[in-house]
Amino acid sequence: ADAVEAEAAKSDATISRMRGQLAELDLFSKMSDKSLQVKERNLEAKTEELAQSSERLEEVRGAFVKTYNARTQMKAQMPSAEDIANLESQVIRLQSHCLEEQNRGTELASQLDSLTRQVFVADKELAASEKRYVVNHPSSVLYAE
């Protein structure tokens, strides 16, 4: 009977130990469940954050593509270095032509001024000549007075 009691005590101790381990496992399981729930919530939050970040990334990508396309189009419309050189050459030729025309205009103005003076002098001479004719002509003595 002592052996049976010893065996029963041993079994009770084993059962008690197993209950303790089971309680520890149950506590660990509850803590793990809570930890798992927290991790799941964190994962959901991170997933949502990733989705929002992905949307923003798409917006930024769209803006970049738009800007890149506009820049490419502007570059295509820009004149080449050869075009610019040709335009500069044309500008220089036009400036030279303008300067020649300006010099020609100055020369023509000078000639016009000289001709105006000659006409003025000729007009004066003509008026003086007409006066002498009237004064010297016998039939027009009455008109000269």
C-alpha atoms as a PDB file:
ATOM      1  CA  ALA A   1       0.000   0.000   0.000  1.00  0.00           C
ATOM      2  CA  ASP A   2       2.916   2.304   0.623  1.00  0.00           C
ATOM      3  CA  ALA A   3       4.070   1.691  -2.880  1.00  0.00           C
ATOM      4  CA  VAL A   4       0.629   2.526  -4.230  1.00  0.00           C
ATOM      5  CA  GLU A   5       0.523   5.687  -2.099  1.00  0.00           C
ATOM      6  CA  ALA A   6       3.977   6.641  -3.255  1.00  0.00           C
ATOM      7  CA  GLU A   7       2.946   6.006  -6.814  1.00  0.00           C
ATOM      8  CA  ALA A   8      -0.278   8.021  -6.271  1.00  0.00           C
ATOM      9  CA  ALA A   9       1.724  10.867  -4.687  1.00  0.00           C
ATOM     10  CA  LYS A  10       4.118  10.718  -7.603  1.00  0.00           C
ATOM     11  CA  SER A  11       1.185  10.818 -10.028  1.00  0.00           C
ATOM     12  CA  ASP A  12      -0.382  13.713  -8.078  1.00  0.00           C
ATOM     13  CA  ALA A  13       2.915  15.607  -8.247  1.00  0.00           C
ATOM     14  CA  THR A  14       3.170  14.912 -11.967  1.00  0.00           C
ATOM     15  CA  ILE A  15      -0.433  16.015 -12.475  1.00  0.00           C
ATOM     16  CA  SER A  16       0.182  19.117 -10.352  1.00  0.00           C
ATOM     17  CA  ARG A  17       3.336  19.900 -12.295  1.00  0.00           C
ATOM     18  CA  MET A  18       1.496  19.359 -15.585  1.00  0.00           C
ATOM     19  CA  ARG A  19      -1.344  21.614 -14.416  1.00  0.00           C
ATOM     20  CA  GLY A  20       1.232  24.297 -13.600  1.00  0.00           C
ATOM     21  CA  GLN A  21       2.795  23.871 -17.014  1.00  0.00           C
ATOM     22  CA  LEU A  22      -0.672  23.932 -18.585  1.00  0.00           C
ATOM     23  CA  ALA A  23      -1.475  27.158 -16.686  1.00  0.00           C
ATOM     24  CA  GLU A  24       1.841  28.636 -17.890  1.00  0.00           C
ATOM     25  CA  LEU A  25       1.065  27.532 -21.450  1.00  0.00           C
ATOM     26  CA  ASP A  26      -2.439  28.977 -21.148  1.00  0.00           C
ATOM     27  CA  LEU A  27      -1.000  32.278 -19.863  1.00  0.00           C
ATOM     28  CA  PHE A  28       1.655  32.246 -22.591  1.00  0.00           C
ATOM     29  CA  SER A  29      -1.051  31.416 -25.168  1.00  0.00           C
ATOM     30  CA  LYS A  30      -3.186  34.368 -23.971  1.00  0.00           C
ATOM     31  CA  MET A  31      -0.156  36.668 -24.065  1.00  0.00           C
ATOM     32  CA  SER A  32       0.732  35.329 -27.505  1.00  0.00           C
ATOM     33  CA  ASP A  33      -2.845  35.867 -28.673  1.00  0.00           C
ATOM     34  CA  LYS A  34      -2.761  39.467 -27.443  1.00  0.00           C
ATOM     35  CA  SER A  35       0.661  39.968 -28.992  1.00  0.00           C
ATOM     36  CA  LEU A  36      -0.626  38.424 -32.212  1.00  0.00           C
ATOM     37  CA  GLN A  37      -3.679  40.727 -32.176  1.00  0.00           C
ATOM     38  CA  VAL A  38      -1.417  43.763 -31.655  1.00  0.00           C
ATOM     39  CA  LYS A  39       0.812  42.564 -34.488  1.00  0.00           C
ATOM     40  CA  GLU A  40      -2.231  42.049 -36.712  1.00  0.00           C
ATOM     41  CA  ARG A  41      -3.465  45.586 -35.956  1.00  0.00           C
ATOM     42  CA  ASN A  42       0.031  46.929 -36.656  1.00  0.00           C
ATOM     43  CA  LEU A  43       0.106  44.939 -39.885  1.00  0.00           C
ATOM     44  CA  GLU A  44      -3.296  46.342 -40.913  1.00  0.00           C
ATOM     45  CA  ALA A  45      -2.132  49.893 -40.108  1.00  0.00           C
ATOM     46  CA  LYS A  46       1.087  49.360 -42.060  1.00  0.00           C
ATOM     47  CA  THR A  47      -0.907  47.880 -44.963  1.00  0.00           C
ATOM     48  CA  GLU A  48      -3.172  50.952 -44.999  1.00  0.00           C
ATOM     49  CA  GLU A  49      -0.162  53.250 -44.769  1.00  0.00           C
ATOM     50  CA  LEU A  50       1.468  51.355 -47.638  1.00  0.00           C
ATOM     51  CA  ALA A  51      -1.705  51.718 -49.732  1.00  0.00           C
ATOM     52  CA  GLN A  52      -1.787  55.486 -49.093  1.00  0.00           C
ATOM     53  CA  SER A  53       1.913  55.742 -49.828  1.00  0.00           C
ATOM     54  CA  SER A  54       1.383  53.800 -53.032  1.00  0.00           C
ATOM     55  CA  GLU A  55      -1.398  56.228 -54.059  1.00  0.00           C
ATOM     56  CA  ARG A  56       0.856  59.206 -53.366  1.00  0.00           C
ATOM     57  CA  LEU A  57       3.634  57.521 -55.304  1.00  0.00           C
ATOM     58  CA  GLU A  58       1.292  57.097 -58.272  1.00  0.00           C
ATOM     59  CA  GLU A  59       0.343  60.789 -58.068  1.00  0.00           C
ATOM     60  CA  VAL A  60       3.993  61.802 -57.954  1.00  0.00           C
ATOM     61  CA  ARG A  61       4.795  59.414 -60.811  1.00  0.00           C
ATOM     62  CA  GLY A  62       1.961  60.918 -62.888  1.00  0.00           C
ATOM     63  CA  ALA A  63       3.222  64.446 -62.198  1.00  0.00           C
ATOM     64  CA  PHE A  64       6.755  63.389 -63.107  1.00  0.00           C
ATOM     65  CA  VAL A  65       5.614  61.817 -66.384  1.00  0.00           C
ATOM     66  CA  LYS A  66       3.629  64.966 -67.209  1.00  0.00           C
ATOM     67  CA  THR A  67       6.624  67.192 -66.447  1.00  0.00           C
ATOM     68  CA  TYR A  68       8.986  64.924 -68.376  1.00  0.00           C
ATOM     69  CA  ASN A  69       6.702  64.888 -71.412  1.00  0.00           C
ATOM     70  CA  ALA A  70       6.314  68.682 -71.313  1.00  0.00           C
ATOM     71  CA  ARG A  71      10.082  69.106 -71.024  1.00  0.00           C
ATOM     72  CA  THR A  72      10.672  66.705 -73.913  1.00  0.00           C
ATOM     73  CA  GLN A  73       8.142  68.584 -76.024  1.00  0.00           C
ATOM     74  CA  MET A  74       9.774  71.929 -75.154  1.00  0.00           C
ATOM     75  CA  LYS A  75      13.201  70.546 -76.073  1.00  0.00           C
ATOM     76  CA  ALA A  76      11.832  69.368 -79.413  1.00  0.00           C
ATOM     77  CA  GLN A  77      10.511  72.863 -80.115  1.00  0.00           C
ATOM     78  CA  MET A  78      13.749  74.600 -79.165  1.00  0.00           C
ATOM     79  CA  PRO A  79      15.923  75.691 -82.069  1.00  0.00           C
ATOM     80  CA  SER A  80      19.152  73.839 -82.643  1.00  0.00           C
ATOM     81  CA  ALA A  81      22.573  75.450 -82.314  1.00  0.00           C
ATOM     82  CA  GLU A  82      22.729  75.620 -86.111  1.00  0.00           C
ATOM     83  CA  ASP A  83      19.347  77.382 -86.244  1.00  0.00           C
ATOM     84  CA  ILE A  84      20.526  79.887 -83.650  1.00  0.00           C
ATOM     85  CA  ALA A  85      23.765  80.500 -85.565  1.00  0.00           C
ATOM     86  CA  ASN A  86      21.765  81.070 -88.777  1.00  0.00           C
ATOM     87  CA  LEU A  87      19.454  83.509 -86.986  1.00  0.00           C
ATOM     88  CA  GLU A  88      22.423  85.380 -85.525  1.00  0.00           C
ATOM     89  CA  SER A  89      23.942  85.607 -89.000  1.00  0.00           C
ATOM     90  CA  GLN A  90      20.649  86.967 -90.361  1.00  0.00           C
ATOM     91  CA  VAL A  91      20.502  89.532 -87.559  1.00  0.00           C
ATOM     92  CA  ILE A  92      24.031  90.689 -88.356  1.00  0.00           C
ATOM     93  CA  ARG A  93      23.163  91.001 -92.075  1.00  0.00           C
ATOM     94  CA  LEU A  94      19.994  92.937 -91.243  1.00  0.00           C
ATOM     95  CA  GLN A  95      21.896  95.253 -88.887  1.00  0.00           C
ATOM     96  CA  SER A  96      24.459  95.899 -91.620  1.00  0.00           C
ATOM     97  CA  HIS A  97      21.681  96.558 -94.149  1.00  0.00           C
ATOM     98  CA  CYS A  98      19.949  98.922 -91.697  1.00  0.00           C
ATOM     99  CA  LEU A  99      23.204 100.798 -91.156  1.00  0.00           C
ATOM    100  CA  GLU A 100      23.685 101.117 -94.940  1.00  0.00           C
ATOM    101  CA  GLU A 101      20.110 102.396 -95.317  1.00  0.00           C
ATOM    102  CA  GLN A 102      20.625 104.817 -92.438  1.00  0.00           C
ATOM    103  CA  ASN A 103      23.800 106.155 -94.090  1.00  0.00           C
ATOM    104  CA  ARG A 104      21.970 106.409 -97.418  1.00  0.00           C
ATOM    105  CA  GLY A 105      19.108 108.264 -95.676  1.00  0.00           C
ATOM    106  CA  THR A 106      21.604 110.688 -94.106  1.00  0.00           C
ATOM    107  CA  GLU A 107      23.220 111.236 -97.508  1.00  0.00           C
ATOM    108  CA  LEU A 108      19.810 111.830 -99.152  1.00  0.00           C
ATOM    109  CA  ALA A 109      18.844 114.256 -96.383  1.00  0.00           C
ATOM    110  CA  SER A 110      22.080 116.147 -96.981  1.00  0.00           C
ATOM    111  CA  GLN A 111      21.389 116.247-100.741  1.00  0.00           C
ATOM    112  CA  LEU A 112      17.818 117.418-100.083  1.00  0.00           C
ATOM    113  CA  ASP A 113      19.103 120.157 -97.800  1.00  0.00           C
ATOM    114  CA  SER A 114      21.594 121.258-100.478  1.00  0.00           C
ATOM    115  CA  LEU A 115      18.904 121.229-103.176  1.00  0.00           C
ATOM    116  CA  THR A 116      16.549 123.192-100.922  1.00  0.00           C
ATOM    117  CA  ARG A 117      19.230 125.834-100.456  1.00  0.00           C
ATOM    118  CA  GLN A 118      19.862 125.927-104.240  1.00  0.00           C
ATOM    119  CA  VAL A 119      16.123 126.341-104.908  1.00  0.00           C
ATOM    120  CA  PHE A 120      15.931 129.076-102.290  1.00  0.00           C
ATOM    121  CA  VAL A 121      18.900 130.885-103.866  1.00  0.00           C
ATOM    122  CA  ALA A 122      17.473 130.376-107.385  1.00  0.00           C
ATOM    123  CA  ASP A 123      14.089 131.646-106.192  1.00  0.00           C
ATOM    124  CA  LYS A 124      15.735 134.743-104.733  1.00  0.00           C
ATOM    125  CA  GLU A 125      17.689 135.314-107.934  1.00  0.00           C
ATOM    126  CA  LEU A 126      14.513 134.873-109.976  1.00  0.00           C
ATOM    127  CA  ALA A 127      12.621 137.348-107.794  1.00  0.00           C
ATOM    128  CA  ALA A 128      15.482 139.855-108.082  1.00  0.00           C
ATOM    129  CA  SER A 129      15.626 139.313-111.848  1.00  0.00           C
ATOM    130  CA  GLU A 130      11.871 139.885-112.181  1.00  0.00           C
ATOM    131  CA  LYS A 131      12.215 143.063-110.157  1.00  0.00           C
ATOM    132  CA  ARG A 132      14.956 144.324-112.447  1.00  0.00           C
ATOM    133  CA  TYR A 133      12.864 143.444-115.489  1.00  0.00           C
ATOM    134  CA  VAL A 134       9.890 145.362-114.199  1.00  0.00           C
ATOM    135  CA  VAL A 135      12.052 148.326-113.220  1.00  0.00           C
ATOM    136  CA  ASN A 136      14.053 148.362-116.469  1.00  0.00           C
ATOM    137  CA  HIS A 137      11.189 147.720-118.912  1.00  0.00           C
ATOM    138  CA  PRO A 138       9.661 150.996-120.148  1.00  0.00           C
ATOM    139  CA  SER A 139       6.092 149.761-120.548  1.00  0.00           C
ATOM    140  CA  SER A 140       5.936 148.399-117.026  1.00  0.00           C
ATOM    141  CA  VAL A 141       7.124 151.479-115.195  1.00  0.00           C
ATOM    142  CA  LEU A 142       3.676 151.910-113.776  1.00  0.00           C
ATOM    143  CA  TYR A 143       3.728 148.414-112.263  1.00  0.00           C
ATOM    144  CA  ALA A 144       7.116 148.859-110.690  1.00  0.00           C
ATOM    145  CA  GLU A 145       6.025 151.790-108.641  1.00  0.00           C
END
